[in-house]
Amino acid sequence: MAVLLCHLLKWQYQPARQGASWKATIKTQRERVKRRIKQTPSLKKCLCNSEWLADAWDDARDATEMETEISYEKFPEQCPWTIEDILSDNWFPQLFENRFKASIKAKGRCVDEGSVSG
C-alpha cells in the first residue's frame, strides 16, 4: 500500500512528470493490493484500521521525499484520500484536491466487497 500511496503522491505533486509509465505503475500497484486482499480476505480489516493506514501513509511520505526531494512536510500529515479512491482504477489525485477533499472525507468508512474485487 505504501508503494501505491507513494506513486499517487508523486502523480499529484509532480504533474509535469505524469506519463504512461507512472499510470502503468499505479495500475499495477492497485492490482497487487486488490489481489492480496482477494487472496487473504482478513487483510481487508487493515484498510479500515486508521493506525495501519497512517503507518502506510508515513512510509509513503518518506519514500516520496527520498525519490523526489520534495520535503516530507509538504505532504499532508494524514492521507487525504479515501480507500475507495486509492483503489479505484480511474481515479488520480489532482494538485489542489487535498484541501477540498479532506474537509468532506468520510471518516471510518471502509471498502465494501465490490470495491476491491479487481
C-alpha atoms as a PDB file:
ATOM      1  CA  MET A   1       0.000   0.000   0.000  1.00  0.00           C
ATOM      2  CA  ALA A   2       2.848   2.397   0.783  1.00  0.00           C
ATOM      3  CA  VAL A   3       4.260   1.953  -2.730  1.00  0.00           C
ATOM      4  CA  LEU A   4       0.868   2.779  -4.247  1.00  0.00           C
ATOM      5  CA  LEU A   5       0.467   5.817  -1.990  1.00  0.00           C
ATOM      6  CA  CYS A   6       3.986   6.979  -2.901  1.00  0.00           C
ATOM      7  CA  HIS A   7       3.197   6.841  -6.614  1.00  0.00           C
ATOM      8  CA  LEU A   8      -0.082   8.676  -6.081  1.00  0.00           C
ATOM      9  CA  LEU A   9       1.796  11.394  -4.192  1.00  0.00           C
ATOM     10  CA  LYS A  10       4.330  11.691  -6.996  1.00  0.00           C
ATOM     11  CA  TRP A  11       1.485  11.886  -9.511  1.00  0.00           C
ATOM     12  CA  GLN A  12      -0.137  14.689  -7.534  1.00  0.00           C
ATOM     13  CA  TYR A  13       2.956  16.720  -6.683  1.00  0.00           C
ATOM     14  CA  GLN A  14       4.838  16.325  -9.959  1.00  0.00           C
ATOM     15  CA  PRO A  15       2.193  16.856 -12.652  1.00  0.00           C
ATOM     16  CA  ALA A  16       4.812  17.755 -15.279  1.00  0.00           C
ATOM     17  CA  ARG A  17       6.254  14.244 -14.945  1.00  0.00           C
ATOM     18  CA  GLN A  18       2.963  12.356 -15.278  1.00  0.00           C
ATOM     19  CA  GLY A  19       3.035   9.859 -18.085  1.00  0.00           C
ATOM     20  CA  ALA A  20       2.103   6.409 -19.296  1.00  0.00           C
ATOM     21  CA  SER A  21       4.841   4.763 -17.208  1.00  0.00           C
ATOM     22  CA  TRP A  22       3.593   6.271 -13.945  1.00  0.00           C
ATOM     23  CA  LYS A  23      -0.007   5.432 -14.841  1.00  0.00           C
ATOM     24  CA  ALA A  24       1.027   1.822 -15.510  1.00  0.00           C
ATOM     25  CA  THR A  25       2.871   1.631 -12.178  1.00  0.00           C
ATOM     26  CA  ILE A  26      -0.156   2.934 -10.289  1.00  0.00           C
ATOM     27  CA  LYS A  27      -2.390   0.429 -12.106  1.00  0.00           C
ATOM     28  CA  THR A  28      -0.013  -2.424 -11.264  1.00  0.00           C
ATOM     29  CA  GLN A  29       0.169  -1.441  -7.587  1.00  0.00           C
ATOM     30  CA  ARG A  30      -3.626  -1.220  -7.357  1.00  0.00           C
ATOM     31  CA  GLU A  31      -3.950  -4.677  -8.907  1.00  0.00           C
ATOM     32  CA  ARG A  32      -1.404  -6.103  -6.454  1.00  0.00           C
ATOM     33  CA  VAL A  33      -3.192  -4.654  -3.418  1.00  0.00           C
ATOM     34  CA  LYS A  34      -6.557  -5.956  -4.670  1.00  0.00           C
ATOM     35  CA  ARG A  35      -5.072  -9.383  -5.413  1.00  0.00           C
ATOM     36  CA  ARG A  36      -3.562  -9.632  -1.923  1.00  0.00           C
ATOM     37  CA  ILE A  37      -6.902  -8.729  -0.371  1.00  0.00           C
ATOM     38  CA  LYS A  38      -8.691 -11.295  -2.537  1.00  0.00           C
ATOM     39  CA  GLN A  39      -6.143 -13.988  -1.605  1.00  0.00           C
ATOM     40  CA  THR A  40      -6.213 -13.066   2.091  1.00  0.00           C
ATOM     41  CA  PRO A  41      -9.616 -11.542   2.917  1.00  0.00           C
ATOM     42  CA  SER A  42      -8.603 -10.850   6.515  1.00  0.00           C
ATOM     43  CA  LEU A  43      -6.289  -8.109   5.154  1.00  0.00           C
ATOM     44  CA  LYS A  44      -9.375  -6.060   4.337  1.00  0.00           C
ATOM     45  CA  LYS A  45      -9.562  -5.170   8.041  1.00  0.00           C
ATOM     46  CA  CYS A  46      -6.272  -3.296   7.628  1.00  0.00           C
ATOM     47  CA  LEU A  47      -7.914  -0.925   5.166  1.00  0.00           C
ATOM     48  CA  CYS A  48     -10.352   0.124   7.892  1.00  0.00           C
ATOM     49  CA  ASN A  49      -7.664   0.465  10.561  1.00  0.00           C
ATOM     50  CA  SER A  50      -6.649   4.110  10.890  1.00  0.00           C
ATOM     51  CA  GLU A  51      -3.318   3.231  12.554  1.00  0.00           C
ATOM     52  CA  TRP A  52      -2.395   0.847   9.735  1.00  0.00           C
ATOM     53  CA  LEU A  53      -3.263   3.433   7.087  1.00  0.00           C
ATOM     54  CA  ALA A  54      -1.362   6.147   8.995  1.00  0.00           C
ATOM     55  CA  ASP A  55       1.705   3.884   9.080  1.00  0.00           C
ATOM     56  CA  ALA A  56       1.453   3.186   5.331  1.00  0.00           C
ATOM     57  CA  TRP A  57       0.990   6.922   4.726  1.00  0.00           C
ATOM     58  CA  ASP A  58       4.106   7.786   6.734  1.00  0.00           C
ATOM     59  CA  ASP A  59       6.086   5.208   4.758  1.00  0.00           C
ATOM     60  CA  ALA A  60       4.750   6.695   1.520  1.00  0.00           C
ATOM     61  CA  ARG A  61       5.699  10.230   2.576  1.00  0.00           C
ATOM     62  CA  ASP A  62       9.222   9.054   3.450  1.00  0.00           C
ATOM     63  CA  ALA A  63       9.658   7.229   0.147  1.00  0.00           C
ATOM     64  CA  THR A  64       8.257  10.128  -1.864  1.00  0.00           C
ATOM     65  CA  GLU A  65      10.623  12.563  -0.172  1.00  0.00           C
ATOM     66  CA  MET A  66      13.608  10.329  -0.993  1.00  0.00           C
ATOM     67  CA  GLU A  67      12.533   9.818  -4.612  1.00  0.00           C
ATOM     68  CA  THR A  68      11.516  13.404  -5.395  1.00  0.00           C
ATOM     69  CA  GLU A  69      13.452  15.586  -2.939  1.00  0.00           C
ATOM     70  CA  ILE A  70      10.140  17.249  -2.056  1.00  0.00           C
ATOM     71  CA  SER A  71      10.152  17.885   1.686  1.00  0.00           C
ATOM     72  CA  TYR A  72       8.189  15.420   3.829  1.00  0.00           C
ATOM     73  CA  GLU A  73       6.419  18.369   5.471  1.00  0.00           C
ATOM     74  CA  LYS A  74       4.928  19.470   2.137  1.00  0.00           C
ATOM     75  CA  PHE A  75       2.712  16.396   2.084  1.00  0.00           C
ATOM     76  CA  PRO A  76      -0.479  16.210   4.174  1.00  0.00           C
ATOM     77  CA  GLU A  77       0.030  14.807   7.662  1.00  0.00           C
ATOM     78  CA  GLN A  78      -2.813  12.335   7.124  1.00  0.00           C
ATOM     79  CA  CYS A  79      -3.835  10.559   3.958  1.00  0.00           C
ATOM     80  CA  PRO A  80      -6.353  12.874   2.284  1.00  0.00           C
ATOM     81  CA  TRP A  81      -7.865  10.197   0.059  1.00  0.00           C
ATOM     82  CA  THR A  82     -10.455   7.543   0.708  1.00  0.00           C
ATOM     83  CA  ILE A  83      -9.586   3.880   0.285  1.00  0.00           C
ATOM     84  CA  GLU A  84     -12.217   3.792  -2.448  1.00  0.00           C
ATOM     85  CA  ASP A  85     -10.329   6.473  -4.397  1.00  0.00           C
ATOM     86  CA  ILE A  86      -6.916   4.933  -3.763  1.00  0.00           C
ATOM     87  CA  LEU A  87      -8.056   1.590  -5.182  1.00  0.00           C
ATOM     88  CA  SER A  88     -10.259   2.987  -7.961  1.00  0.00           C
ATOM     89  CA  ASP A  89      -8.922   2.138 -11.407  1.00  0.00           C
ATOM     90  CA  ASN A  90      -9.848   5.502 -12.898  1.00  0.00           C
ATOM     91  CA  TRP A  91      -9.002   7.911 -10.068  1.00  0.00           C
ATOM     92  CA  PHE A  92      -5.841  10.002  -9.966  1.00  0.00           C
ATOM     93  CA  PRO A  93      -5.221  12.819  -7.464  1.00  0.00           C
ATOM     94  CA  GLN A  94      -5.007  16.410  -8.608  1.00  0.00           C
ATOM     95  CA  LEU A  95      -2.679  19.051  -7.172  1.00  0.00           C
ATOM     96  CA  PHE A  96      -5.201  21.116  -5.203  1.00  0.00           C
ATOM     97  CA  GLU A  97      -7.628  18.314  -4.455  1.00  0.00           C
ATOM     98  CA  ASN A  98      -6.404  17.762  -0.876  1.00  0.00           C
ATOM     99  CA  ARG A  99      -7.787  20.905   0.685  1.00  0.00           C
ATOM    100  CA  PHE A 100     -11.283  20.268  -0.652  1.00  0.00           C
ATOM    101  CA  LYS A 101     -11.487  16.520  -0.251  1.00  0.00           C
ATOM    102  CA  ALA A 102     -10.022  16.405   3.253  1.00  0.00           C
ATOM    103  CA  SER A 103     -12.880  18.542   4.526  1.00  0.00           C
ATOM    104  CA  ILE A 104     -15.547  16.176   3.189  1.00  0.00           C
ATOM    105  CA  LYS A 105     -13.772  12.837   3.602  1.00  0.00           C
ATOM    106  CA  ALA A 106     -15.926  10.239   5.296  1.00  0.00           C
ATOM    107  CA  LYS A 107     -14.185   9.149   8.485  1.00  0.00           C
ATOM    108  CA  GLY A 108     -14.253   5.475   9.423  1.00  0.00           C
ATOM    109  CA  ARG A 109     -15.726   4.398   6.105  1.00  0.00           C
ATOM    110  CA  CYS A 110     -14.416   1.064   4.909  1.00  0.00           C
ATOM    111  CA  VAL A 111     -14.428  -0.501   1.485  1.00  0.00           C
ATOM    112  CA  ASP A 112     -17.230  -2.828   0.545  1.00  0.00           C
ATOM    113  CA  GLU A 113     -16.874  -6.207  -1.111  1.00  0.00           C
ATOM    114  CA  GLY A 114     -17.304  -4.910  -4.676  1.00  0.00           C
ATOM    115  CA  SER A 115     -14.706  -2.165  -4.483  1.00  0.00           C
ATOM    116  CA  VAL A 116     -11.703  -4.473  -4.047  1.00  0.00           C
ATOM    117  CA  SER A 117     -12.661  -7.230  -6.413  1.00  0.00           C
ATOM    118  CA  GLY A 118     -10.259  -6.056  -9.152  1.00  0.00           C
END
